Protein backbone atom coordinates (compact mmCIF):
# COMPACT_ATOMS: atom_id res chain seq x y z
CA MET A 1 -95.14 17.27 -126.59
CA ALA A 2 -94.55 14.69 -128.98
CA SER A 3 -93.37 11.27 -127.79
CA LYS A 4 -89.57 10.25 -128.21
CA ALA A 5 -90.53 6.63 -128.04
CA THR A 6 -89.76 4.74 -131.16
CA VAL A 7 -92.55 3.06 -132.85
CA ILE A 8 -91.54 -0.57 -133.37
CA ASN A 9 -93.65 -2.45 -135.98
CA VAL A 10 -92.76 -6.09 -138.17
CA ASP A 11 -91.19 -3.23 -140.76
CA ASN A 12 -88.39 -2.36 -138.55
CA TYR A 13 -88.05 -4.96 -135.47
CA GLN A 14 -85.72 -6.71 -137.10
CA GLU A 15 -83.33 -3.53 -137.97
CA LEU A 16 -84.07 -1.86 -134.66
CA ILE A 17 -84.37 -4.59 -131.61
CA GLY A 18 -83.30 -8.10 -133.61
CA ASN A 19 -79.67 -7.13 -134.25
CA GLY A 20 -78.97 -6.97 -130.43
CA THR A 21 -79.38 -3.49 -129.56
CA PRO A 22 -80.19 -2.66 -125.99
CA ALA A 23 -83.89 -1.63 -125.83
CA ILE A 24 -87.12 -1.67 -123.46
CA LEU A 25 -90.20 -2.28 -124.99
CA ASP A 26 -93.64 -0.83 -123.87
CA PHE A 27 -96.27 -3.55 -125.20
CA TRP A 28 -99.63 -1.63 -125.57
CA ALA A 29 -103.18 -0.84 -126.95
CA THR A 30 -105.27 2.02 -128.02
CA TRP A 31 -108.03 0.76 -125.70
CA CYS A 32 -105.93 -0.13 -122.55
CA PRO A 33 -106.68 2.46 -119.82
CA HIS A 34 -103.52 1.45 -117.90
CA CYS A 35 -101.43 2.40 -120.82
CA LYS A 36 -102.76 5.56 -121.70
CA ARG A 37 -102.44 6.48 -117.72
CA ILE A 38 -98.40 5.13 -118.02
CA ALA A 39 -97.55 6.93 -121.43
CA PRO A 40 -96.48 10.29 -119.96
CA SER A 41 -93.91 8.40 -117.74
CA TYR A 42 -92.73 6.20 -120.55
CA ASP A 43 -92.01 9.37 -122.70
CA LYS A 44 -90.00 11.07 -120.24
CA VAL A 45 -88.07 7.72 -119.76
CA ALA A 46 -87.94 7.61 -123.58
CA ALA A 47 -86.52 11.64 -123.41
CA GLU A 48 -84.10 10.87 -120.72
CA TYR A 49 -82.54 7.92 -122.42
CA GLU A 50 -82.39 8.96 -126.13
CA GLY A 51 -79.23 7.95 -127.69
CA LYS A 52 -78.62 5.50 -125.09
CA LEU A 53 -80.82 2.55 -125.75
CA ILE A 54 -83.93 2.33 -128.06
CA VAL A 55 -87.18 2.89 -125.97
CA GLY A 56 -89.90 1.35 -128.27
CA LYS A 57 -93.72 1.24 -128.26
CA VAL A 58 -95.13 -2.16 -129.69
CA ASP A 59 -98.83 -1.61 -130.13
CA THR A 60 -99.97 -5.10 -129.85
CA ASP A 61 -103.14 -4.94 -131.66
CA GLU A 62 -101.05 -3.61 -134.94
CA ASP A 63 -98.54 -6.09 -134.53
CA PRO A 64 -99.67 -9.09 -132.68
CA ALA A 65 -96.63 -11.21 -134.07
CA ILE A 66 -94.00 -9.27 -131.87
CA ALA A 67 -96.38 -9.52 -129.09
CA GLN A 68 -96.79 -13.15 -129.33
CA LYS A 69 -92.72 -13.35 -129.63
CA TYR A 70 -92.60 -12.14 -126.30
CA ASP A 71 -95.43 -14.23 -124.73
CA ILE A 72 -97.29 -10.81 -124.03
CA GLU A 73 -100.43 -11.63 -121.94
CA TYR A 74 -101.19 -8.46 -120.09
CA LEU A 75 -101.13 -4.94 -120.86
CA PRO A 76 -99.27 -2.71 -120.38
CA THR A 77 -95.82 -5.02 -120.24
CA PHE A 78 -92.56 -3.37 -120.35
CA VAL A 79 -89.51 -5.81 -121.49
CA GLN A 80 -85.93 -4.88 -121.31
CA CYS A 81 -83.98 -6.22 -123.95
CA PRO A 82 -80.23 -6.82 -123.50
CA ARG A 83 -77.57 -7.16 -125.97
CA GLN A 84 -78.35 -10.81 -126.32
CA GLY A 85 -81.85 -12.73 -125.11
CA ARG A 86 -84.53 -11.10 -123.28
CA GLY A 87 -84.61 -9.54 -119.95
CA PRO A 88 -86.77 -8.61 -117.09
CA ARG A 89 -90.36 -7.76 -117.49
CA GLN A 90 -92.68 -5.61 -115.90
CA GLN A 91 -96.56 -5.86 -116.14
CA GLY A 92 -99.30 -3.69 -115.09
CA CYS A 93 -99.14 0.02 -114.58
CA HIS A 94 -96.51 1.22 -112.10
CA ARG A 95 -95.79 4.95 -110.98
CA ARG A 96 -92.00 4.85 -112.06
CA ILE A 97 -90.35 2.91 -114.91
CA HIS A 98 -86.55 3.10 -115.01
CA PRO A 99 -84.00 0.72 -116.45
CA GLN A 100 -81.85 -0.16 -113.99
CA PRO A 101 -78.14 -0.98 -113.99
CA SER A 102 -78.89 -4.23 -112.61
CA GLY A 103 -81.01 -5.17 -115.76
CA HIS A 104 -84.32 -4.94 -113.65
CA LEU A 105 -87.03 -2.18 -113.88
CA THR A 106 -88.46 -0.27 -111.33
């Protein structure tokens, strides 16, 4: 099954994220085993929330400038981007990822 998550890079960041569109971003790298472990769950979230918010993936090796913008230090890191500003973040590999109405990730 192909991923429903949107690849976010320096070419499309401003259009997709920089304009205030609600989003959740997965900061990952190809060499990260925890990133690979969580990928199937993240793909399910992307399918579930398709059309409701942007569910994006940022390869930190390919686009380090975006990772720096969000002060990413650990992989994987999930950042929720509300309409304005930055939202909460979740670092590490957890069994479930679900955007919550309160703005927190579980």
